Amino acid sequence: VSSALGNLYKSTTGSWKKLAYRFAYSAFCKRIDRVAAVSHDTRTDLIQEFGVHPRNICVIHNGLGDEFLEDAKDVPPPDFSRRVIGTVGALIPEKGVTDLIRAAYLIRAKLPEIQFVIVGDGPERDALEQQVKQIGLSGHVKFTGWMPSELDTMSTIDIFVMPSHEEGLPYVVLEAMACRRPIVASGVGGVPEAITDGESGLLFKPGDSDAIADGVLRLLNNPDLAQRLGNQARSRVESEFCARNKVTEVEQMYLDVMADISIIH
């Protein structure tokens, strides 16, 4: 049994590397009875890119533990009068933070008091800080580095933005949902499997800074909608993305594999 937790290769991966990955993984998969894919989007990639037989793929979404779900109840609700927008992630090109910074410029033009928090670190940090300085947002965008826990992070922000260009099914989105944060996220990878646009969050096409700005402004100008999306996100993560249920799914996957082996022998 193997697992596929996200993108099989990055969008910036060179064509010759992709061919090498496809050849190696296709050969490797012939020795695998099951691949646990983190999302249906990843499952499609495994079939189309690497030729894995659909029968040999089992989709098991990420899930949050009971302790986190319980602790998230104590995170204060968003304070939309505070107007703090945040994101969390490694500061690398694939996370699309530069798109959020461009959106921050558009948002501030309409809401001068807005504040942004970028949680995380990585090789792009210096360039991103320079981008913020060049467009005059130094007093409005704070880079915190990594924080002790996602609960601490969610306590500091009112709206969570995930501007990634590629993802599997990021835990941070599930964590934001558990903390009842209204979410504006790019509809990549398995994110649309967790967030239904207009019901448990707002989705946009990756790379679209205008859409990020529109989504954030829509929520800030309509706190009732923002609160409803946050509450529905919490309900969805409780019902669909609980780690306890995922353990059962993993157990069933192994039982199915063992049953197949028994039939063969």
C-alpha atoms as a PDB file:
ATOM      1  CA  VAL A   1       0.000   0.000   0.000  1.00  0.00           C
ATOM      2  CA  SER A   2       1.262   3.448  -0.920  1.00  0.00           C
ATOM      3  CA  SER A   3      -0.121   6.984  -0.596  1.00  0.00           C
ATOM      4  CA  ALA A   4      -0.380  10.097  -2.750  1.00  0.00           C
ATOM      5  CA  LEU A   5      -0.775  13.155  -0.554  1.00  0.00           C
ATOM      6  CA  GLY A   6      -0.846  15.961  -3.073  1.00  0.00           C
ATOM      7  CA  ASN A   7       0.565  17.092  -6.378  1.00  0.00           C
ATOM      8  CA  LEU A   8       2.436  14.306  -8.100  1.00  0.00           C
ATOM      9  CA  TYR A   9       4.896  16.902  -9.320  1.00  0.00           C
ATOM     10  CA  LYS A  10       5.012  20.692  -9.268  1.00  0.00           C
ATOM     11  CA  SER A  11       3.705  22.887 -12.066  1.00  0.00           C
ATOM     12  CA  THR A  12       7.262  24.180 -12.472  1.00  0.00           C
ATOM     13  CA  THR A  13       8.714  20.675 -12.931  1.00  0.00           C
ATOM     14  CA  GLY A  14      10.546  20.376 -16.242  1.00  0.00           C
ATOM     15  CA  SER A  15       9.138  18.136 -18.958  1.00  0.00           C
ATOM     16  CA  TRP A  16      12.075  15.690 -18.852  1.00  0.00           C
ATOM     17  CA  LYS A  17      11.631  15.285 -15.083  1.00  0.00           C
ATOM     18  CA  LYS A  18       7.925  14.638 -15.570  1.00  0.00           C
ATOM     19  CA  LEU A  19       8.735  11.875 -18.046  1.00  0.00           C
ATOM     20  CA  ALA A  20      11.197  10.363 -15.571  1.00  0.00           C
ATOM     21  CA  TYR A  21       8.637  10.539 -12.753  1.00  0.00           C
ATOM     22  CA  ARG A  22       5.969   8.944 -14.916  1.00  0.00           C
ATOM     23  CA  PHE A  23       8.258   6.096 -15.950  1.00  0.00           C
ATOM     24  CA  ALA A  24       9.500   5.437 -12.408  1.00  0.00           C
ATOM     25  CA  TYR A  25       6.090   5.688 -10.747  1.00  0.00           C
ATOM     26  CA  SER A  26       4.351   3.612 -13.402  1.00  0.00           C
ATOM     27  CA  ALA A  27       6.901   0.840 -12.856  1.00  0.00           C
ATOM     28  CA  PHE A  28       6.656   1.198  -9.074  1.00  0.00           C
ATOM     29  CA  CYS A  29       2.857   1.030  -9.092  1.00  0.00           C
ATOM     30  CA  LYS A  30       2.909  -2.392 -10.722  1.00  0.00           C
ATOM     31  CA  ARG A  31       4.118  -3.697  -7.351  1.00  0.00           C
ATOM     32  CA  ILE A  32       1.466  -1.852  -5.328  1.00  0.00           C
ATOM     33  CA  ASP A  33      -1.925  -3.310  -4.398  1.00  0.00           C
ATOM     34  CA  ARG A  34      -3.505   0.031  -3.379  1.00  0.00           C
ATOM     35  CA  VAL A  35      -2.712   3.720  -3.539  1.00  0.00           C
ATOM     36  CA  ALA A  36      -4.471   5.919  -0.967  1.00  0.00           C
ATOM     37  CA  ALA A  37      -5.132   9.257  -2.680  1.00  0.00           C
ATOM     38  CA  VAL A  38      -5.819  12.340  -0.576  1.00  0.00           C
ATOM     39  CA  SER A  39      -8.481  13.611  -2.987  1.00  0.00           C
ATOM     40  CA  HIS A  40     -10.465  12.657  -6.070  1.00  0.00           C
ATOM     41  CA  ASP A  41      -8.394  15.219  -7.966  1.00  0.00           C
ATOM     42  CA  THR A  42      -5.232  13.327  -6.984  1.00  0.00           C
ATOM     43  CA  ARG A  43      -6.934  10.078  -8.016  1.00  0.00           C
ATOM     44  CA  THR A  44      -7.586  11.512 -11.485  1.00  0.00           C
ATOM     45  CA  ASP A  45      -3.932  12.557 -11.763  1.00  0.00           C
ATOM     46  CA  LEU A  46      -2.768   9.068 -10.801  1.00  0.00           C
ATOM     47  CA  ILE A  47      -4.923   7.555 -13.535  1.00  0.00           C
ATOM     48  CA  GLN A  48      -4.191  10.088 -16.266  1.00  0.00           C
ATOM     49  CA  GLU A  49      -0.543  10.882 -15.556  1.00  0.00           C
ATOM     50  CA  PHE A  50       0.804   7.574 -14.273  1.00  0.00           C
ATOM     51  CA  GLY A  51      -1.567   4.959 -15.613  1.00  0.00           C
ATOM     52  CA  VAL A  52      -2.604   3.580 -12.220  1.00  0.00           C
ATOM     53  CA  HIS A  53      -5.652   1.350 -12.596  1.00  0.00           C
ATOM     54  CA  PRO A  54      -8.749   3.018 -11.064  1.00  0.00           C
ATOM     55  CA  ARG A  55      -9.505  -0.199  -9.156  1.00  0.00           C
ATOM     56  CA  ASN A  56      -6.228   0.164  -7.255  1.00  0.00           C
ATOM     57  CA  ILE A  57      -6.894   3.680  -5.952  1.00  0.00           C
ATOM     58  CA  CYS A  58      -8.761   4.452  -2.746  1.00  0.00           C
ATOM     59  CA  VAL A  59      -9.620   8.077  -1.905  1.00  0.00           C
ATOM     60  CA  ILE A  60      -9.160   8.868   1.777  1.00  0.00           C
ATOM     61  CA  HIS A  61      -9.406  12.561   2.614  1.00  0.00           C
ATOM     62  CA  ASN A  62      -7.348  14.158   5.362  1.00  0.00           C
ATOM     63  CA  GLY A  63      -9.093  14.515   8.696  1.00  0.00           C
ATOM     64  CA  LEU A  64      -8.708  16.449  11.942  1.00  0.00           C
ATOM     65  CA  GLY A  65      -8.337  14.770  15.302  1.00  0.00           C
ATOM     66  CA  ASP A  66     -10.980  14.972  18.020  1.00  0.00           C
ATOM     67  CA  GLU A  67      -8.683  17.023  20.258  1.00  0.00           C
ATOM     68  CA  PHE A  68      -8.154  19.714  17.634  1.00  0.00           C
ATOM     69  CA  LEU A  69     -11.864  19.845  16.811  1.00  0.00           C
ATOM     70  CA  GLU A  70     -12.686  20.241  20.488  1.00  0.00           C
ATOM     71  CA  ASP A  71     -10.015  22.893  21.099  1.00  0.00           C
ATOM     72  CA  ALA A  72     -11.150  24.814  18.013  1.00  0.00           C
ATOM     73  CA  LYS A  73     -14.483  25.430  19.729  1.00  0.00           C
ATOM     74  CA  ASP A  74     -12.660  27.740  22.147  1.00  0.00           C
ATOM     75  CA  VAL A  75     -11.200  29.941  19.398  1.00  0.00           C
ATOM     76  CA  PRO A  76     -13.037  33.290  19.567  1.00  0.00           C
ATOM     77  CA  PRO A  77     -15.377  33.928  16.636  1.00  0.00           C
ATOM     78  CA  PRO A  78     -14.188  36.272  13.889  1.00  0.00           C
ATOM     79  CA  ASP A  79     -14.421  39.978  14.702  1.00  0.00           C
ATOM     80  CA  PHE A  80     -15.272  41.543  11.379  1.00  0.00           C
ATOM     81  CA  SER A  81     -14.878  45.054  12.736  1.00  0.00           C
ATOM     82  CA  ARG A  82     -11.192  44.215  13.300  1.00  0.00           C
ATOM     83  CA  ARG A  83     -10.721  43.287   9.620  1.00  0.00           C
ATOM     84  CA  VAL A  84      -7.633  41.101   9.726  1.00  0.00           C
ATOM     85  CA  ILE A  85      -7.037  38.876   6.708  1.00  0.00           C
ATOM     86  CA  GLY A  86      -4.578  36.003   6.952  1.00  0.00           C
ATOM     87  CA  THR A  87      -2.950  33.106   5.179  1.00  0.00           C
ATOM     88  CA  VAL A  88      -0.696  30.260   6.286  1.00  0.00           C
ATOM     89  CA  GLY A  89       1.868  28.313   4.310  1.00  0.00           C
ATOM     90  CA  ALA A  90       5.410  27.854   3.138  1.00  0.00           C
ATOM     91  CA  LEU A  91       6.603  30.951   1.295  1.00  0.00           C
ATOM     92  CA  ILE A  92       7.282  29.292  -2.046  1.00  0.00           C
ATOM     93  CA  PRO A  93       5.939  30.191  -5.525  1.00  0.00           C
ATOM     94  CA  GLU A  94       3.328  27.407  -5.557  1.00  0.00           C
ATOM     95  CA  LYS A  95       1.515  28.959  -2.571  1.00  0.00           C
ATOM     96  CA  GLY A  96       0.557  32.060  -4.550  1.00  0.00           C
ATOM     97  CA  VAL A  97       1.266  34.556  -1.760  1.00  0.00           C
ATOM     98  CA  THR A  98       2.293  37.160  -4.330  1.00  0.00           C
ATOM     99  CA  ASP A  99      -1.312  37.026  -5.636  1.00  0.00           C
ATOM    100  CA  LEU A 100      -2.623  37.743  -2.140  1.00  0.00           C
ATOM    101  CA  ILE A 101      -0.299  40.725  -1.813  1.00  0.00           C
ATOM    102  CA  ARG A 102      -1.575  42.157  -5.098  1.00  0.00           C
ATOM    103  CA  ALA A 103      -5.124  41.594  -3.826  1.00  0.00           C
ATOM    104  CA  ALA A 104      -4.188  43.341  -0.568  1.00  0.00           C
ATOM    105  CA  TYR A 105      -3.322  46.457  -2.576  1.00  0.00           C
ATOM    106  CA  LEU A 106      -6.754  46.382  -4.243  1.00  0.00           C
ATOM    107  CA  ILE A 107      -8.569  45.797  -0.960  1.00  0.00           C
ATOM    108  CA  ARG A 108      -6.744  48.580   0.873  1.00  0.00           C
ATOM    109  CA  ALA A 109      -7.768  51.052  -1.846  1.00  0.00           C
ATOM    110  CA  LYS A 110     -11.356  50.547  -0.623  1.00  0.00           C
ATOM    111  CA  LEU A 111     -10.686  49.804   3.050  1.00  0.00           C
ATOM    112  CA  PRO A 112      -7.660  51.806   4.224  1.00  0.00           C
ATOM    113  CA  GLU A 113      -7.720  50.305   7.730  1.00  0.00           C
ATOM    114  CA  ILE A 114      -7.397  46.688   6.563  1.00  0.00           C
ATOM    115  CA  GLN A 115      -4.625  44.488   7.982  1.00  0.00           C
ATOM    116  CA  PHE A 116      -3.001  41.323   6.576  1.00  0.00           C
ATOM    117  CA  VAL A 117      -1.090  38.567   8.341  1.00  0.00           C
ATOM    118  CA  ILE A 118       1.143  36.136   6.444  1.00  0.00           C
ATOM    119  CA  VAL A 119       2.090  33.157   8.601  1.00  0.00           C
ATOM    120  CA  GLY A 120       4.923  30.929   7.447  1.00  0.00           C
ATOM    121  CA  ASP A 121       8.453  31.106   6.138  1.00  0.00           C
ATOM    122  CA  GLY A 122      10.469  30.020   3.140  1.00  0.00           C
ATOM    123  CA  PRO A 123      12.805  31.072   0.335  1.00  0.00           C
ATOM    124  CA  GLU A 124      10.396  33.662  -1.097  1.00  0.00           C
ATOM    125  CA  ARG A 125      10.056  35.672   2.115  1.00  0.00           C
ATOM    126  CA  ASP A 126      12.577  38.392   1.224  1.00  0.00           C
ATOM    127  CA  ALA A 127      11.062  38.885  -2.235  1.00  0.00           C
ATOM    128  CA  LEU A 128       7.535  39.014  -0.805  1.00  0.00           C
ATOM    129  CA  GLU A 129       8.543  41.549   1.839  1.00  0.00           C
ATOM    130  CA  GLN A 130      10.134  43.646  -0.914  1.00  0.00           C
ATOM    131  CA  GLN A 131       6.928  43.411  -2.964  1.00  0.00           C
ATOM    132  CA  VAL A 132       4.942  44.671   0.032  1.00  0.00           C
ATOM    133  CA  LYS A 133       7.355  47.574   0.490  1.00  0.00           C
ATOM    134  CA  GLN A 134       7.291  48.550  -3.178  1.00  0.00           C
ATOM    135  CA  ILE A 135       3.494  48.886  -3.276  1.00  0.00           C
ATOM    136  CA  GLY A 136       3.342  50.828  -0.018  1.00  0.00           C
ATOM    137  CA  LEU A 137       1.778  48.174   2.223  1.00  0.00           C
ATOM    138  CA  SER A 138       4.532  47.811   4.823  1.00  0.00           C
ATOM    139  CA  GLY A 139       2.275  49.131   7.574  1.00  0.00           C
ATOM    140  CA  HIS A 140      -0.569  46.819   6.592  1.00  0.00           C
ATOM    141  CA  VAL A 141       1.071  43.432   5.936  1.00  0.00           C
ATOM    142  CA  LYS A 142       2.781  41.544   8.761  1.00  0.00           C
ATOM    143  CA  PHE A 143       5.049  38.538   8.241  1.00  0.00           C
ATOM    144  CA  THR A 144       5.038  36.489  11.429  1.00  0.00           C
ATOM    145  CA  GLY A 145       7.077  33.422  10.513  1.00  0.00           C
ATOM    146  CA  TRP A 146       5.650  30.147  11.796  1.00  0.00           C
ATOM    147  CA  MET A 147       3.361  30.423  14.825  1.00  0.00           C
ATOM    148  CA  PRO A 148       3.183  27.833  17.652  1.00  0.00           C
ATOM    149  CA  SER A 149      -0.141  26.369  16.534  1.00  0.00           C
ATOM    150  CA  GLU A 150      -2.881  26.841  13.968  1.00  0.00           C
ATOM    151  CA  LEU A 151      -5.267  27.683  16.809  1.00  0.00           C
ATOM    152  CA  ASP A 152      -3.058  30.679  17.679  1.00  0.00           C
ATOM    153  CA  THR A 153      -3.035  31.657  14.021  1.00  0.00           C
ATOM    154  CA  MET A 154      -6.790  31.452  13.541  1.00  0.00           C
ATOM    155  CA  SER A 155      -7.336  33.517  16.695  1.00  0.00           C
ATOM    156  CA  THR A 156      -5.499  36.437  15.091  1.00  0.00           C
ATOM    157  CA  ILE A 157      -7.421  36.538  11.793  1.00  0.00           C
ATOM    158  CA  ASP A 158     -11.015  37.057  10.736  1.00  0.00           C
ATOM    159  CA  ILE A 159     -10.942  35.795   7.144  1.00  0.00           C
ATOM    160  CA  PHE A 160      -8.645  33.038   5.888  1.00  0.00           C
ATOM    161  CA  VAL A 161      -7.299  33.196   2.336  1.00  0.00           C
ATOM    162  CA  MET A 162      -5.589  30.288   0.591  1.00  0.00           C
ATOM    163  CA  PRO A 163      -4.179  31.563  -2.727  1.00  0.00           C
ATOM    164  CA  SER A 164      -2.278  28.385  -3.719  1.00  0.00           C
ATOM    165  CA  HIS A 165      -1.714  27.460  -7.354  1.00  0.00           C
ATOM    166  CA  GLU A 166      -1.576  23.744  -6.503  1.00  0.00           C
ATOM    167  CA  GLU A 167      -2.527  21.641  -3.487  1.00  0.00           C
ATOM    168  CA  GLY A 168      -3.559  18.184  -2.398  1.00  0.00           C
ATOM    169  CA  LEU A 169      -6.040  18.660   0.430  1.00  0.00           C
ATOM    170  CA  PRO A 170      -4.337  21.099   2.827  1.00  0.00           C
ATOM    171  CA  TYR A 171      -4.840  20.590   6.540  1.00  0.00           C
ATOM    172  CA  VAL A 172      -4.755  24.350   7.083  1.00  0.00           C
ATOM    173  CA  VAL A 173      -8.009  24.731   5.152  1.00  0.00           C
ATOM    174  CA  LEU A 174      -9.661  22.106   7.345  1.00  0.00           C
ATOM    175  CA  GLU A 175      -8.260  23.845  10.430  1.00  0.00           C
ATOM    176  CA  ALA A 176      -9.665  27.189   9.317  1.00  0.00           C
ATOM    177  CA  MET A 177     -13.020  25.497   8.748  1.00  0.00           C
ATOM    178  CA  ALA A 178     -12.910  23.977  12.240  1.00  0.00           C
ATOM    179  CA  CYS A 179     -12.288  27.450  13.686  1.00  0.00           C
ATOM    180  CA  ARG A 180     -15.331  28.853  11.848  1.00  0.00           C
ATOM    181  CA  ARG A 181     -13.226  31.187   9.729  1.00  0.00           C
ATOM    182  CA  PRO A 182     -14.861  32.255   6.472  1.00  0.00           C
ATOM    183  CA  ILE A 183     -12.551  31.137   3.688  1.00  0.00           C
ATOM    184  CA  VAL A 184     -11.594  32.545   0.308  1.00  0.00           C
ATOM    185  CA  ALA A 185      -9.594  29.832  -1.468  1.00  0.00           C
ATOM    186  CA  SER A 186      -8.337  28.880  -4.896  1.00  0.00           C
ATOM    187  CA  GLY A 187     -10.271  25.946  -6.300  1.00  0.00           C
ATOM    188  CA  VAL A 188      -7.258  23.695  -6.806  1.00  0.00           C
ATOM    189  CA  GLY A 189      -6.621  20.047  -5.995  1.00  0.00           C
ATOM    190  CA  GLY A 190      -8.942  18.673  -3.352  1.00  0.00           C
ATOM    191  CA  VAL A 191     -10.006  22.062  -2.001  1.00  0.00           C
ATOM    192  CA  PRO A 192     -13.391  22.008  -3.824  1.00  0.00           C
ATOM    193  CA  GLU A 193     -13.988  18.607  -2.206  1.00  0.00           C
ATOM    194  CA  ALA A 194     -13.868  20.307   1.191  1.00  0.00           C
ATOM    195  CA  ILE A 195     -15.379  23.691   0.324  1.00  0.00           C
ATOM    196  CA  THR A 196     -18.570  24.148  -1.650  1.00  0.00           C
ATOM    197  CA  ASP A 197     -18.503  27.577  -3.266  1.00  0.00           C
ATOM    198  CA  GLY A 198     -21.068  29.868  -1.684  1.00  0.00           C
ATOM    199  CA  GLU A 199     -21.999  27.344   1.012  1.00  0.00           C
ATOM    200  CA  SER A 200     -18.920  26.691   3.135  1.00  0.00           C
ATOM    201  CA  GLY A 201     -16.547  29.224   1.593  1.00  0.00           C
ATOM    202  CA  LEU A 202     -15.752  31.159  -1.573  1.00  0.00           C
ATOM    203  CA  LEU A 203     -13.625  29.686  -4.364  1.00  0.00           C
ATOM    204  CA  PHE A 204     -11.717  31.479  -7.109  1.00  0.00           C
ATOM    205  CA  LYS A 205      -9.540  30.582 -10.050  1.00  0.00           C
ATOM    206  CA  PRO A 206      -5.866  30.336  -8.991  1.00  0.00           C
ATOM    207  CA  GLY A 207      -3.749  33.349  -9.832  1.00  0.00           C
ATOM    208  CA  ASP A 208      -6.700  35.760  -9.914  1.00  0.00           C
ATOM    209  CA  SER A 209      -5.870  38.608  -7.520  1.00  0.00           C
ATOM    210  CA  ASP A 210      -9.008  40.506  -8.521  1.00  0.00           C
ATOM    211  CA  ALA A 211     -11.145  37.536  -7.483  1.00  0.00           C
ATOM    212  CA  ILE A 212      -9.350  37.299  -4.136  1.00  0.00           C
ATOM    213  CA  ALA A 213     -10.043  40.978  -3.509  1.00  0.00           C
ATOM    214  CA  ASP A 214     -13.675  40.654  -4.576  1.00  0.00           C
ATOM    215  CA  GLY A 215     -14.187  37.653  -2.299  1.00  0.00           C
ATOM    216  CA  VAL A 216     -12.647  39.304   0.748  1.00  0.00           C
ATOM    217  CA  LEU A 217     -14.570  42.544   0.193  1.00  0.00           C
ATOM    218  CA  ARG A 218     -17.798  40.600  -0.277  1.00  0.00           C
ATOM    219  CA  LEU A 219     -17.346  38.947   3.114  1.00  0.00           C
ATOM    220  CA  LEU A 220     -16.276  42.115   4.903  1.00  0.00           C
ATOM    221  CA  ASN A 221     -19.277  43.985   3.511  1.00  0.00           C
ATOM    222  CA  ASN A 222     -21.639  41.168   4.463  1.00  0.00           C
ATOM    223  CA  PRO A 223     -20.764  39.872   7.968  1.00  0.00           C
ATOM    224  CA  ASP A 224     -23.920  37.737   8.055  1.00  0.00           C
ATOM    225  CA  LEU A 225     -22.755  35.842   4.971  1.00  0.00           C
ATOM    226  CA  ALA A 226     -19.251  35.520   6.404  1.00  0.00           C
ATOM    227  CA  GLN A 227     -20.584  34.131   9.667  1.00  0.00           C
ATOM    228  CA  ARG A 228     -22.891  31.705   7.870  1.00  0.00           C
ATOM    229  CA  LEU A 229     -20.051  30.392   5.692  1.00  0.00           C
ATOM    230  CA  GLY A 230     -17.849  29.949   8.754  1.00  0.00           C
ATOM    231  CA  ASN A 231     -20.530  28.055  10.670  1.00  0.00           C
ATOM    232  CA  GLN A 232     -21.309  25.801   7.710  1.00  0.00           C
ATOM    233  CA  ALA A 233     -17.600  25.139   7.240  1.00  0.00           C
ATOM    234  CA  ARG A 234     -17.386  23.966  10.847  1.00  0.00           C
ATOM    235  CA  SER A 235     -20.366  21.658  10.389  1.00  0.00           C
ATOM    236  CA  ARG A 236     -18.880  20.200   7.218  1.00  0.00           C
ATOM    237  CA  VAL A 237     -15.479  19.466   8.726  1.00  0.00           C
ATOM    238  CA  GLU A 238     -17.143  17.773  11.700  1.00  0.00           C
ATOM    239  CA  SER A 239     -19.247  15.526   9.494  1.00  0.00           C
ATOM    240  CA  GLU A 240     -16.860  14.817   6.596  1.00  0.00           C
ATOM    241  CA  PHE A 241     -13.278  15.383   7.743  1.00  0.00           C
ATOM    242  CA  CYS A 242     -12.944  13.818  11.170  1.00  0.00           C
ATOM    243  CA  ALA A 243      -9.797  11.711  11.600  1.00  0.00           C
ATOM    244  CA  ARG A 244     -11.746   9.100  13.555  1.00  0.00           C
ATOM    245  CA  ASN A 245     -13.732   8.294  10.420  1.00  0.00           C
ATOM    246  CA  LYS A 246     -10.586   8.233   8.304  1.00  0.00           C
ATOM    247  CA  VAL A 247      -9.099   5.523  10.528  1.00  0.00           C
ATOM    248  CA  THR A 248     -12.097   3.363   9.678  1.00  0.00           C
ATOM    249  CA  GLU A 249     -11.577   4.052   5.969  1.00  0.00           C
ATOM    250  CA  VAL A 250      -7.891   3.094   6.178  1.00  0.00           C
ATOM    251  CA  GLU A 251      -8.786  -0.095   8.026  1.00  0.00           C
ATOM    252  CA  GLN A 252     -11.336  -0.982   5.345  1.00  0.00           C
ATOM    253  CA  MET A 253      -8.781  -0.364   2.617  1.00  0.00           C
ATOM    254  CA  TYR A 254      -6.405  -2.923   4.163  1.00  0.00           C
ATOM    255  CA  LEU A 255      -9.221  -5.404   4.654  1.00  0.00           C
ATOM    256  CA  ASP A 256     -10.153  -5.052   0.979  1.00  0.00           C
ATOM    257  CA  VAL A 257      -6.540  -5.601  -0.095  1.00  0.00           C
ATOM    258  CA  MET A 258      -6.266  -8.702   2.088  1.00  0.00           C
ATOM    259  CA  ALA A 259      -9.547 -10.041   0.713  1.00  0.00           C
ATOM    260  CA  ASP A 260      -8.267  -9.598  -2.842  1.00  0.00           C
ATOM    261  CA  ILE A 261      -5.068 -11.454  -1.989  1.00  0.00           C
ATOM    262  CA  SER A 262      -7.080 -14.291  -0.457  1.00  0.00           C
ATOM    263  CA  ILE A 263      -9.139 -14.611  -3.645  1.00  0.00           C
ATOM    264  CA  ILE A 264      -6.016 -14.676  -5.815  1.00  0.00           C
ATOM    265  CA  HIS A 265      -4.412 -17.410  -3.723  1.00  0.00           C
END
